[in-house]
Amino acid sequence: MRRPKLESITTYLLAIAIGTTAVSCSHPAPPTPAPASATAAGDTTPPAAQVPLGTPLAGLAGQQIVVLPVHYIRADTMGFATKIDDPRGMLAALDSAIQGELATRGVGSNWTFPPALARSAKRNAGYVSDPYHLAAERLRIGGRLADNRLSEPFASQLRGIIAVTEARYALFPVELRFERIADGRMRPVLRVVLLDGRGSSIRWGGDIRGAASNDITPATVESLAFALADLVAAP
């Protein structure tokens, strides 16, 4: 059976947005652009574009896709991030939850997830970069990019990673952060981008929001994994 052409996916993704898209796990995005919001570091997030109903990345479900590990936890002035005793463990738990939730929805059988990427990097040391230590700072909130082009050395690192797979695109949950909502509780937010590894560019980007709570618990991680999977397939 012939696989669907990736060109149709690229056209669709470019049509919905090449920029920052706000996505909530419990509420649809507003039909009009939202105002910029200040981050804890004082940067501003670009206005959110309109989000299509349904699953905006559903076209990826049957493709060969690389899923990179979550890289960063952003410090915040409210002190939510400081409550995480084991940041590496938190990120690993989020990676695992994302893989598990996608599998539950029947997605990812032909995707390459962080553990497999790490094994590939060890087998190809010197050629394939460690997927857990990529130079992805510019993809974080407040990072500066020129025309959505990936900069070096990250662009070369990504090309090396996808070169040992059949994928062209990489789904990258870049950064976890926390925001305080009106009732004083915390809501986790995960910055996610879709990257064209061969073209060294960003094809889609957005924030997904998990469930609000008073503290960081395993349910925090699960709600973010659920929200990310919503981009690709319905529950």
Protein backbone atom coordinates (compact mmCIF):
# COMPACT_ATOMS: atom_id res chain seq x y z
CA MET A 1 0.00 0.00 0.00
CA ARG A 2 1.34 3.40 -0.92
CA ARG A 3 1.78 5.92 1.90
CA PRO A 4 0.04 9.33 1.60
CA LYS A 5 2.29 12.07 0.29
CA LEU A 6 3.78 14.38 2.89
CA GLU A 7 3.35 17.35 0.56
CA SER A 8 -0.38 17.43 1.30
CA ILE A 9 0.33 17.57 5.02
CA THR A 10 2.75 20.46 4.58
CA THR A 11 0.23 22.41 2.53
CA TYR A 12 -2.42 21.86 5.18
CA LEU A 13 -0.16 22.82 8.06
CA LEU A 14 1.02 25.96 6.30
CA ALA A 15 -2.60 26.88 5.70
CA ILE A 16 -3.58 26.70 9.36
CA ALA A 17 -0.58 28.64 10.69
CA ILE A 18 3.16 28.93 10.82
CA GLY A 19 3.40 30.63 14.15
CA THR A 20 2.04 30.27 17.65
CA THR A 21 -1.33 28.60 18.17
CA ALA A 22 -3.01 28.39 21.57
CA VAL A 23 -4.68 25.07 22.29
CA SER A 24 -6.58 24.08 25.44
CA CYS A 25 -7.34 20.54 26.53
CA SER A 26 -10.78 21.52 27.77
CA HIS A 27 -11.96 24.55 25.77
CA PRO A 28 -11.83 25.41 22.06
CA ALA A 29 -9.58 28.26 21.04
CA PRO A 30 -11.17 31.70 20.66
CA PRO A 31 -12.36 32.50 17.11
CA THR A 32 -10.38 35.73 17.08
CA PRO A 33 -6.69 36.37 17.83
CA ALA A 34 -5.93 36.63 21.53
CA PRO A 35 -3.76 39.43 22.94
CA ALA A 36 -0.11 38.82 23.66
CA SER A 37 0.61 37.60 27.17
CA ALA A 38 3.67 38.29 29.28
CA THR A 39 5.81 35.38 30.43
CA ALA A 40 7.62 35.12 33.76
CA ALA A 41 10.81 36.24 32.07
CA GLY A 42 9.16 39.37 30.74
CA ASP A 43 8.95 38.20 27.11
CA THR A 44 5.72 38.27 25.17
CA THR A 45 4.05 35.50 23.27
CA PRO A 46 2.91 36.36 19.72
CA PRO A 47 -0.87 36.72 19.35
CA ALA A 48 -2.60 33.35 19.03
CA ALA A 49 -4.02 32.47 15.63
CA GLN A 50 -7.40 30.86 15.15
CA VAL A 51 -7.33 27.11 15.77
CA PRO A 52 -9.30 24.81 13.46
CA LEU A 53 -11.86 22.58 15.14
CA GLY A 54 -11.00 18.93 15.53
CA THR A 55 -7.45 17.60 15.40
CA PRO A 56 -5.17 20.04 13.53
CA LEU A 57 -2.31 17.53 13.17
CA ALA A 58 -4.46 14.52 12.29
CA GLY A 59 -2.71 14.22 8.93
CA LEU A 60 0.43 13.07 10.72
CA ALA A 61 -1.16 10.00 12.29
CA GLY A 62 -0.23 7.60 9.51
CA GLN A 63 3.17 9.08 8.70
CA GLN A 64 6.69 8.36 9.89
CA ILE A 65 7.24 10.98 12.63
CA VAL A 66 10.04 11.59 15.10
CA VAL A 67 8.97 12.71 18.58
CA LEU A 68 11.73 14.55 20.43
CA PRO A 69 11.93 14.58 24.23
CA VAL A 70 10.68 17.56 26.23
CA HIS A 71 13.75 19.70 26.86
CA TYR A 72 13.10 22.54 29.28
CA ILE A 73 11.16 23.61 32.35
CA ARG A 74 10.77 27.37 32.56
CA ALA A 75 11.29 29.07 35.89
CA ASP A 76 8.37 31.22 37.03
CA THR A 77 7.91 33.97 39.57
CA MET A 78 5.01 32.10 41.23
CA GLY A 79 7.35 29.30 42.32
CA PHE A 80 5.51 26.44 40.65
CA ALA A 81 8.60 25.11 38.85
CA THR A 82 10.62 25.09 42.08
CA LYS A 83 8.19 22.53 43.51
CA ILE A 84 9.57 19.92 41.10
CA ASP A 85 12.14 17.97 43.12
CA ASP A 86 13.38 15.95 40.13
CA PRO A 87 13.19 17.99 36.89
CA ARG A 88 14.75 15.24 34.77
CA GLY A 89 12.29 12.73 36.19
CA MET A 90 9.42 15.10 35.46
CA LEU A 91 10.47 15.49 31.82
CA ALA A 92 10.97 11.73 31.44
CA ALA A 93 7.52 11.10 32.89
CA LEU A 94 6.01 13.56 30.42
CA ASP A 95 7.80 11.88 27.49
CA SER A 96 6.47 8.50 28.60
CA ALA A 97 2.95 9.81 29.12
CA ILE A 98 2.89 11.34 25.64
CA GLN A 99 3.99 8.09 24.04
CA GLY A 100 1.48 6.12 26.09
CA GLU A 101 -1.46 8.39 25.32
CA LEU A 102 -0.76 8.35 21.58
CA ALA A 103 -0.55 4.56 21.68
CA THR A 104 -3.90 4.44 23.49
CA ARG A 105 -5.43 6.33 20.57
CA GLY A 106 -3.90 4.02 17.99
CA VAL A 107 -1.23 6.51 16.92
CA GLY A 108 2.52 6.11 16.93
CA SER A 109 3.10 2.54 15.81
CA ASN A 110 5.34 3.93 13.07
CA TRP A 111 6.60 6.93 15.08
CA THR A 112 10.02 7.08 16.69
CA PHE A 113 9.96 8.17 20.35
CA PRO A 114 12.77 9.40 22.67
CA PRO A 115 13.96 6.00 24.00
CA ALA A 116 14.45 4.67 20.46
CA LEU A 117 16.13 7.93 19.40
CA ALA A 118 18.56 7.62 22.33
CA ARG A 119 19.45 4.05 21.34
CA SER A 120 20.03 5.16 17.77
CA ALA A 121 22.29 7.98 18.96
CA LYS A 122 24.41 5.51 20.92
CA ARG A 123 24.73 3.20 17.91
CA ASN A 124 25.71 6.12 15.71
CA ALA A 125 27.86 8.12 18.13
CA GLY A 126 29.64 10.97 16.42
CA TYR A 127 26.99 11.24 13.73
CA VAL A 128 23.65 11.37 15.56
CA SER A 129 23.27 13.88 18.40
CA ASP A 130 21.95 12.95 21.82
CA PRO A 131 18.20 13.72 21.50
CA TYR A 132 18.08 14.77 25.16
CA HIS A 133 20.70 17.52 24.73
CA LEU A 134 19.84 19.55 21.65
CA ALA A 135 20.65 23.23 21.10
CA ALA A 136 16.98 24.22 21.01
CA GLU A 137 17.05 27.43 23.06
CA ARG A 138 15.65 29.54 20.23
CA LEU A 139 12.51 27.43 20.09
CA ARG A 140 11.59 28.38 23.65
CA ILE A 141 9.15 31.15 24.52
CA GLY A 142 10.82 34.45 23.66
CA GLY A 143 13.35 32.83 21.31
CA ARG A 144 14.17 34.69 18.13
CA LEU A 145 13.91 32.99 14.73
CA ALA A 146 14.35 34.39 11.23
CA ASP A 147 11.44 33.44 8.95
CA ASN A 148 10.76 30.26 10.93
CA ARG A 149 14.12 28.87 9.83
CA LEU A 150 16.00 26.63 12.24
CA SER A 151 19.42 27.88 13.20
CA GLU A 152 22.66 25.99 13.66
CA PRO A 153 23.70 23.81 15.34
CA PHE A 154 20.14 22.64 15.99
CA ALA A 155 19.26 22.31 12.28
CA SER A 156 22.17 19.93 11.71
CA GLN A 157 21.40 18.02 14.90
CA LEU A 158 17.83 17.45 13.73
CA ARG A 159 18.92 16.37 10.25
CA GLY A 160 21.24 13.80 11.81
CA ILE A 161 18.46 12.41 14.01
CA ILE A 162 15.91 12.01 11.21
CA ALA A 163 18.53 10.65 8.80
CA VAL A 164 18.49 7.30 10.60
CA THR A 165 14.67 7.09 10.38
CA GLU A 166 12.22 7.29 7.50
CA ALA A 167 10.73 10.49 8.90
CA ARG A 168 10.85 14.01 7.58
CA TYR A 169 8.91 15.72 10.35
CA ALA A 170 9.62 15.93 14.06
CA LEU A 171 7.10 16.75 16.76
CA PHE A 172 8.94 18.61 19.49
CA PRO A 173 7.41 19.42 22.89
CA VAL A 174 10.02 22.05 23.67
CA GLU A 175 9.26 23.59 27.02
CA LEU A 176 7.04 23.08 30.05
CA ARG A 177 5.90 26.11 32.01
CA PHE A 178 3.23 26.98 34.55
CA GLU A 179 0.77 29.85 34.68
CA ARG A 180 -1.50 31.11 37.42
CA ILE A 181 -5.16 31.34 36.49
CA ALA A 182 -7.78 33.70 37.90
CA ASP A 183 -8.78 31.50 40.83
CA GLY A 184 -5.15 31.21 41.99
CA ARG A 185 -4.61 27.67 40.82
CA MET A 186 -1.84 26.52 38.48
CA ARG A 187 -2.23 25.42 34.89
CA PRO A 188 0.60 23.60 33.03
CA VAL A 189 1.46 24.77 29.52
CA LEU A 190 3.55 22.90 26.98
CA ARG A 191 5.15 24.60 23.98
CA VAL A 192 4.96 22.26 20.96
CA VAL A 193 6.36 22.73 17.46
CA LEU A 194 6.27 20.63 14.31
CA LEU A 195 9.59 20.74 12.48
CA ASP A 196 10.53 19.94 8.91
CA GLY A 197 13.91 18.29 9.46
CA ARG A 198 14.91 18.23 5.80
CA GLY A 199 13.77 21.78 5.18
CA SER A 200 15.17 23.07 8.50
CA SER A 201 12.01 25.01 9.28
CA ILE A 202 9.06 25.25 11.67
CA ARG A 203 5.80 24.10 10.08
CA TRP A 204 3.50 24.61 13.07
CA GLY A 205 3.78 25.78 16.62
CA GLY A 206 1.52 26.23 19.59
CA ASP A 207 0.84 26.00 23.32
CA ILE A 208 -1.25 23.22 24.84
CA ARG A 209 -2.73 23.61 28.29
CA GLY A 210 -3.35 20.87 30.80
CA ALA A 211 -5.76 20.64 33.71
CA ALA A 212 -5.71 23.31 36.42
CA SER A 213 -4.81 22.20 39.94
CA ASN A 214 -3.41 23.43 43.24
CA ASP A 215 -0.18 21.45 42.95
CA ILE A 216 1.98 19.51 40.50
CA THR A 217 0.95 15.86 40.53
CA PRO A 218 1.03 12.86 38.15
CA ALA A 219 -2.34 14.11 36.89
CA THR A 220 -0.55 17.26 35.68
CA VAL A 221 1.62 15.18 33.37
CA GLU A 222 -1.30 13.04 32.22
CA SER A 223 -3.42 16.08 31.33
CA LEU A 224 -0.65 17.51 29.13
CA ALA A 225 -0.16 14.19 27.35
CA PHE A 226 -3.91 14.05 26.76
CA ALA A 227 -3.91 17.57 25.35
CA LEU A 228 -0.99 16.88 23.02
CA ALA A 229 -2.60 13.68 21.74
CA ASP A 230 -5.73 15.73 21.02
CA LEU A 231 -3.77 17.50 18.28
CA VAL A 232 -3.36 14.24 16.40
CA ALA A 233 -6.31 11.97 17.22
CA ALA A 234 -9.62 12.10 19.06
CA PRO A 235 -9.88 10.18 22.37
